[in-house]
Amino acid sequence: MSDIPRLNGAIRALEQGKPAFTTFSAPEIGAAQAIGAAAYDAVVFEMEHGPHDTNTLRTCMQYMLDRKQIAKSGSIAPAVAPFVRIPPNGGEMNQWLAKQALDVGVYGIVWPHVSTVEEARNAVTACRYPRPPSAPNYEPAGMRGDGPRGAAAYWGLTQQEYYKRADVWPLAPDGEVLVVIMCEEAKAIKNLPKMLEQVPGIGVVLIGEGDLSQDLGYPRQYDHPTVASAIDEILAICKAHKVPCGHPHVSAKNVEGLLEKGFRWLMAQPTLSFAGLELGLKASGRR
């Protein structure tokens, strides 16, 4: 390992055999600040179903940086590592969206609807810089364009240090970039063993319950036996290939059961307190 400490908190947790706790968030400053002060390992800024706005993403990431926390920790690692779920489905092969997010300084990319070996390879390829064929861990060959200035500054590294760390984990043991592919169709489940066998560099497989239930004919009926069985199958495949499996809908009601089942990437949903509003409505006679 390098003398630079581990920067990606989600990787740090997984590396230590612990579950990584993450969440989705809209790219909004207030939400970014609140999540940055919480005990998450990472946050995934949601840009698949919301606007893809690189400038807003950059602003949110800057507001997540807390100088007091950085000074107190004695480390350049962010308290909560920012990730992005990009807009295109895996089959669209849009590498440029991953490139732009990485160049801002995110520590991971979540790829929706990855259903084939080719799509999985494209996801990893887009997150790696090119290197000579003689280099260690050459495959999947990188295709990321060279523009590291912004990302290196955000990470607190020189550009040469950034090059060494901006690779995909666990393929590169020192890598700080996590490639997360979403399994969201029956076709993806069928092809998942081949994806995990043939494409090194996949860091996490995240189950897309909503789209998966749609594809199976039972929209958002997560407890339906067909949907539940498909989720269990994905988890079993991930365990067999020693790749962390993620669950997107984690709450106080199900978190213990999901941990017991063996999910290692847990996306807890942030909640807002409306206690003051409720008390005010009652005190004013509106409740």
Protein backbone atom coordinates (compact mmCIF):
# COMPACT_ATOMS: atom_id res chain seq x y z
CA MET A 1 0.00 0.00 0.00
CA SER A 2 1.03 3.59 -0.57
CA ASP A 3 1.84 5.92 2.32
CA ILE A 4 -1.25 7.94 1.41
CA PRO A 5 -4.11 6.75 3.65
CA ARG A 6 -7.26 5.20 2.26
CA LEU A 7 -9.42 8.04 0.92
CA ASN A 8 -12.64 6.29 -0.10
CA GLY A 9 -14.62 5.50 3.05
CA ALA A 10 -16.81 2.93 1.34
CA ILE A 11 -13.77 1.01 0.14
CA ARG A 12 -12.23 1.33 3.59
CA ALA A 13 -15.25 -0.35 5.17
CA LEU A 14 -15.41 -3.15 2.57
CA GLU A 15 -11.65 -3.71 2.80
CA GLN A 16 -12.00 -4.22 6.54
CA GLY A 17 -14.79 -6.75 6.09
CA LYS A 18 -17.44 -4.30 7.29
CA PRO A 19 -20.63 -3.25 5.49
CA ALA A 20 -20.52 0.12 3.74
CA PHE A 21 -23.35 2.47 4.67
CA THR A 22 -24.34 4.87 1.92
CA THR A 23 -27.35 6.82 0.72
CA PHE A 24 -28.83 8.45 -2.36
CA SER A 25 -29.21 12.22 -2.41
CA ALA A 26 -30.38 14.85 -4.83
CA PRO A 27 -27.51 17.20 -5.74
CA GLU A 28 -28.68 20.01 -3.44
CA ILE A 29 -26.42 22.05 -1.18
CA GLY A 30 -28.46 21.65 2.00
CA ALA A 31 -28.76 17.90 1.56
CA ALA A 32 -25.04 17.60 0.77
CA GLN A 33 -24.10 19.48 3.95
CA ALA A 34 -26.42 17.37 6.12
CA ILE A 35 -25.17 14.10 4.66
CA GLY A 36 -21.56 15.25 4.86
CA ALA A 37 -22.01 15.68 8.61
CA ALA A 38 -23.65 12.26 9.07
CA ALA A 39 -22.03 8.88 9.68
CA TYR A 40 -22.29 7.58 6.11
CA ASP A 41 -19.29 6.11 4.33
CA ALA A 42 -20.43 7.52 0.98
CA VAL A 43 -23.24 9.41 -0.71
CA VAL A 44 -24.49 8.72 -4.24
CA PHE A 45 -25.71 11.88 -5.91
CA GLU A 46 -28.74 10.89 -7.94
CA MET A 47 -28.44 12.07 -11.54
CA GLU A 48 -30.19 9.22 -13.31
CA HIS A 49 -33.73 10.44 -12.65
CA GLY A 50 -32.85 14.06 -11.88
CA PRO A 51 -30.93 16.70 -13.86
CA HIS A 52 -27.34 15.90 -14.75
CA ASP A 53 -25.69 19.13 -13.67
CA THR A 54 -21.92 19.00 -13.26
CA ASN A 55 -21.66 22.52 -11.85
CA THR A 56 -24.19 21.78 -9.10
CA LEU A 57 -22.40 18.52 -8.35
CA ARG A 58 -19.12 20.39 -7.96
CA THR A 59 -20.74 22.93 -5.63
CA CYS A 60 -22.30 20.21 -3.47
CA MET A 61 -18.97 18.43 -3.16
CA GLN A 62 -17.26 21.64 -2.05
CA TYR A 63 -19.93 22.25 0.60
CA MET A 64 -19.35 18.74 1.95
CA LEU A 65 -15.76 19.64 2.84
CA ASP A 66 -15.51 20.61 6.51
CA ARG A 67 -12.19 22.24 7.43
CA LYS A 68 -12.63 21.52 11.13
CA GLN A 69 -13.29 17.84 10.43
CA ILE A 70 -10.30 17.64 8.12
CA ALA A 71 -8.00 19.30 10.65
CA LYS A 72 -9.29 17.16 13.51
CA SER A 73 -8.95 13.91 11.57
CA GLY A 74 -5.43 14.70 10.38
CA SER A 75 -6.33 13.10 7.05
CA ILE A 76 -7.22 14.40 3.59
CA ALA A 77 -9.88 11.69 3.30
CA PRO A 78 -13.40 13.15 3.11
CA ALA A 79 -15.74 12.21 5.94
CA VAL A 80 -18.27 11.01 3.35
CA ALA A 81 -17.04 10.02 -0.11
CA PRO A 82 -19.12 11.47 -2.98
CA PHE A 83 -20.31 9.16 -5.78
CA VAL A 84 -22.65 9.76 -8.74
CA ARG A 85 -25.33 7.62 -10.35
CA ILE A 86 -25.07 8.69 -13.98
CA PRO A 87 -28.06 8.95 -16.35
CA PRO A 88 -27.42 6.41 -19.13
CA ASN A 89 -28.45 2.78 -19.02
CA GLY A 90 -25.55 0.35 -19.35
CA GLY A 91 -26.42 -0.42 -22.97
CA GLU A 92 -25.98 3.21 -23.98
CA MET A 93 -22.20 2.99 -23.38
CA ASN A 94 -21.92 6.72 -22.55
CA GLN A 95 -18.43 6.88 -21.09
CA TRP A 96 -18.24 10.68 -21.18
CA LEU A 97 -20.71 11.10 -18.32
CA ALA A 98 -18.56 8.95 -16.05
CA LYS A 99 -15.48 10.86 -17.20
CA GLN A 100 -16.97 14.25 -16.32
CA ALA A 101 -18.08 13.08 -12.87
CA LEU A 102 -14.67 11.54 -12.16
CA ASP A 103 -12.91 14.70 -13.33
CA VAL A 104 -14.87 16.69 -10.74
CA GLY A 105 -13.45 14.35 -8.09
CA VAL A 106 -16.06 11.72 -7.24
CA TYR A 107 -14.82 8.43 -5.79
CA GLY A 108 -17.22 6.12 -7.59
CA ILE A 109 -19.73 5.72 -10.38
CA VAL A 110 -23.03 3.86 -10.17
CA TRP A 111 -24.05 2.49 -13.57
CA PRO A 112 -27.78 1.77 -14.05
CA HIS A 113 -29.12 -1.21 -15.99
CA VAL A 114 -25.93 -3.17 -16.65
CA SER A 115 -27.08 -6.47 -18.13
CA THR A 116 -24.28 -7.97 -20.26
CA VAL A 117 -20.56 -8.69 -20.11
CA GLU A 118 -19.96 -6.00 -22.74
CA GLU A 119 -21.84 -3.40 -20.69
CA ALA A 120 -20.01 -4.37 -17.50
CA ARG A 121 -16.65 -4.14 -19.24
CA ASN A 122 -17.57 -0.71 -20.60
CA ALA A 123 -18.38 0.48 -17.07
CA VAL A 124 -14.97 -0.52 -15.74
CA THR A 125 -13.12 0.68 -18.85
CA ALA A 126 -14.66 4.15 -18.57
CA CYS A 127 -13.34 4.52 -15.02
CA ARG A 128 -9.72 3.61 -15.79
CA TYR A 129 -6.92 5.58 -17.44
CA PRO A 130 -5.15 3.93 -20.40
CA ARG A 131 -1.88 2.14 -19.70
CA PRO A 132 0.59 -0.01 -21.68
CA PRO A 133 -0.41 -3.66 -22.24
CA SER A 134 2.61 -4.65 -20.15
CA ALA A 135 1.24 -2.86 -17.06
CA PRO A 136 -0.10 -4.95 -14.16
CA ASN A 137 -3.85 -5.57 -14.21
CA TYR A 138 -4.08 -4.23 -17.76
CA GLU A 139 -7.54 -5.65 -18.48
CA PRO A 140 -10.10 -4.22 -18.78
CA ALA A 141 -8.08 -1.68 -20.75
CA GLY A 142 -8.78 1.90 -19.66
CA MET A 143 -10.38 4.54 -21.86
CA ARG A 144 -10.81 7.51 -19.48
CA GLY A 145 -9.62 10.79 -20.97
CA ASP A 146 -6.74 12.61 -19.31
CA GLY A 147 -7.93 15.68 -17.40
CA PRO A 148 -7.04 15.16 -13.72
CA ARG A 149 -6.48 18.72 -12.45
CA GLY A 150 -9.83 19.24 -10.72
CA ALA A 151 -10.07 15.74 -9.28
CA ALA A 152 -6.48 15.75 -7.99
CA ALA A 153 -7.06 19.07 -6.22
CA TYR A 154 -10.30 17.83 -4.65
CA TRP A 155 -8.59 14.67 -3.42
CA GLY A 156 -5.68 16.71 -2.06
CA LEU A 157 -3.05 14.97 -4.21
CA THR A 158 -0.54 15.92 -6.85
CA GLN A 159 -1.50 14.84 -10.34
CA GLN A 160 1.06 12.03 -10.29
CA GLU A 161 -0.27 10.82 -6.93
CA TYR A 162 -3.77 11.00 -8.31
CA TYR A 163 -2.88 8.86 -11.33
CA LYS A 164 -1.59 6.16 -8.99
CA ARG A 165 -4.75 6.15 -6.87
CA ALA A 166 -7.42 6.84 -9.51
CA ASP A 167 -7.91 3.20 -10.45
CA VAL A 168 -10.69 0.76 -9.70
CA TRP A 169 -10.78 -1.28 -6.51
CA PRO A 170 -10.35 -4.17 -5.83
CA LEU A 171 -8.59 -4.83 -9.15
CA ALA A 172 -6.02 -2.23 -8.08
CA PRO A 173 -5.44 -2.68 -4.32
CA ASP A 174 -4.54 1.01 -3.91
CA GLY A 175 -7.41 2.14 -6.14
CA GLU A 176 -9.87 4.68 -4.74
CA VAL A 177 -12.52 4.45 -7.49
CA LEU A 178 -15.46 2.11 -6.95
CA VAL A 179 -17.44 0.84 -9.93
CA VAL A 180 -20.97 -0.09 -8.93
CA ILE A 181 -23.15 -1.85 -11.49
CA MET A 182 -26.91 -2.11 -11.04
CA CYS A 183 -28.67 -5.42 -11.65
CA GLU A 184 -32.18 -4.47 -12.73
CA GLU A 185 -33.50 -7.05 -15.22
CA ALA A 186 -33.99 -10.79 -15.45
CA LYS A 187 -31.45 -10.70 -18.31
CA ALA A 188 -28.91 -9.14 -15.93
CA ILE A 189 -29.39 -11.94 -13.40
CA LYS A 190 -28.83 -14.54 -16.10
CA ASN A 191 -25.63 -12.84 -17.22
CA LEU A 192 -24.35 -11.81 -13.78
CA PRO A 193 -22.11 -14.86 -13.21
CA LYS A 194 -20.36 -14.24 -16.54
CA MET A 195 -20.00 -10.53 -15.77
CA LEU A 196 -18.33 -11.22 -12.44
CA GLU A 197 -16.12 -13.95 -13.89
CA GLN A 198 -15.02 -12.09 -17.03
CA VAL A 199 -14.83 -8.44 -15.91
CA PRO A 200 -12.38 -7.74 -13.09
CA GLY A 201 -12.82 -4.35 -11.45
CA ILE A 202 -16.50 -4.51 -10.53
CA GLY A 203 -16.58 -3.29 -6.94
CA VAL A 204 -20.25 -3.69 -6.00
CA VAL A 205 -23.43 -5.10 -7.53
CA LEU A 206 -26.40 -2.98 -6.50
CA ILE A 207 -29.88 -4.47 -6.86
CA GLY A 208 -32.34 -2.13 -8.57
CA GLU A 209 -35.49 -3.34 -6.86
CA GLY A 210 -37.86 -0.96 -8.59
CA ASP A 211 -36.85 -1.71 -12.17
CA LEU A 212 -36.33 -5.40 -11.40
CA SER A 213 -39.86 -5.71 -10.05
CA GLN A 214 -41.15 -3.93 -13.17
CA ASP A 215 -39.26 -6.31 -15.41
CA LEU A 216 -40.65 -9.30 -13.54
CA GLY A 217 -44.24 -8.03 -13.84
CA TYR A 218 -44.80 -7.04 -10.20
CA PRO A 219 -44.04 -3.29 -9.97
CA ARG A 220 -42.70 -2.35 -6.53
CA GLN A 221 -44.13 -5.52 -5.00
CA TYR A 222 -40.84 -6.29 -3.30
CA ASP A 223 -42.26 -9.02 -1.10
CA HIS A 224 -43.80 -10.92 -4.01
CA PRO A 225 -42.22 -14.40 -4.14
CA THR A 226 -40.98 -13.88 -7.72
CA VAL A 227 -39.27 -10.60 -6.87
CA ALA A 228 -37.92 -11.80 -3.52
CA SER A 229 -36.54 -14.93 -5.17
CA ALA A 230 -34.75 -12.87 -7.85
CA ILE A 231 -33.19 -10.64 -5.18
CA ASP A 232 -31.98 -13.70 -3.28
CA GLU A 233 -30.51 -15.12 -6.49
CA ILE A 234 -28.52 -11.94 -7.14
CA LEU A 235 -27.20 -11.97 -3.57
CA ALA A 236 -26.20 -15.64 -3.88
CA ILE A 237 -24.32 -15.01 -7.15
CA CYS A 238 -22.43 -12.10 -5.58
CA LYS A 239 -21.49 -14.18 -2.55
CA ALA A 240 -20.24 -17.01 -4.77
CA HIS A 241 -17.99 -14.56 -6.62
CA LYS A 242 -16.98 -12.65 -3.47
CA VAL A 243 -18.33 -9.32 -4.77
CA PRO A 244 -20.27 -7.11 -2.33
CA CYS A 245 -23.99 -6.95 -3.01
CA GLY A 246 -25.98 -3.78 -2.34
CA HIS A 247 -29.54 -3.10 -1.26
CA PRO A 248 -31.08 0.30 -2.16
CA HIS A 249 -33.95 0.49 0.36
CA VAL A 250 -32.60 0.17 3.88
CA SER A 251 -34.59 1.25 6.92
CA ALA A 252 -34.74 0.62 10.65
CA LYS A 253 -37.27 -2.12 9.91
CA ASN A 254 -35.12 -4.22 7.58
CA VAL A 255 -31.47 -3.32 8.22
CA GLU A 256 -30.78 -6.14 10.70
CA GLY A 257 -32.29 -8.73 8.37
CA LEU A 258 -30.32 -7.42 5.38
CA LEU A 259 -27.07 -7.57 7.35
CA GLU A 260 -27.87 -11.10 8.45
CA LYS A 261 -28.52 -12.11 4.85
CA GLY A 262 -25.11 -10.80 3.85
CA PHE A 263 -25.69 -7.50 2.06
CA ARG A 264 -22.53 -5.40 2.30
CA TRP A 265 -23.54 -2.13 0.57
CA LEU A 266 -26.49 -0.69 2.46
CA MET A 267 -28.28 2.42 1.23
CA ALA A 268 -30.13 3.89 4.20
CA GLN A 269 -32.66 6.56 3.33
CA PRO A 270 -32.09 9.96 5.00
CA THR A 271 -35.13 11.33 6.81
CA LEU A 272 -36.18 14.84 7.79
CA SER A 273 -37.84 15.62 11.10
CA PHE A 274 -41.20 17.35 10.94
CA ALA A 275 -41.65 17.38 14.72
CA GLY A 276 -41.74 21.19 14.95
CA LEU A 277 -44.27 21.44 12.14
CA GLU A 278 -46.49 18.80 13.71
CA LEU A 279 -46.37 20.50 17.12
CA GLY A 280 -47.11 23.88 15.56
CA LEU A 281 -50.08 22.54 13.63
CA LYS A 282 -51.47 21.00 16.81
CA ALA A 283 -50.84 24.13 18.89
CA SER A 284 -52.61 26.32 16.32
CA GLY A 285 -55.61 24.03 16.14
CA ARG A 286 -54.90 22.81 12.63
CA ARG A 287 -54.53 19.20 13.77
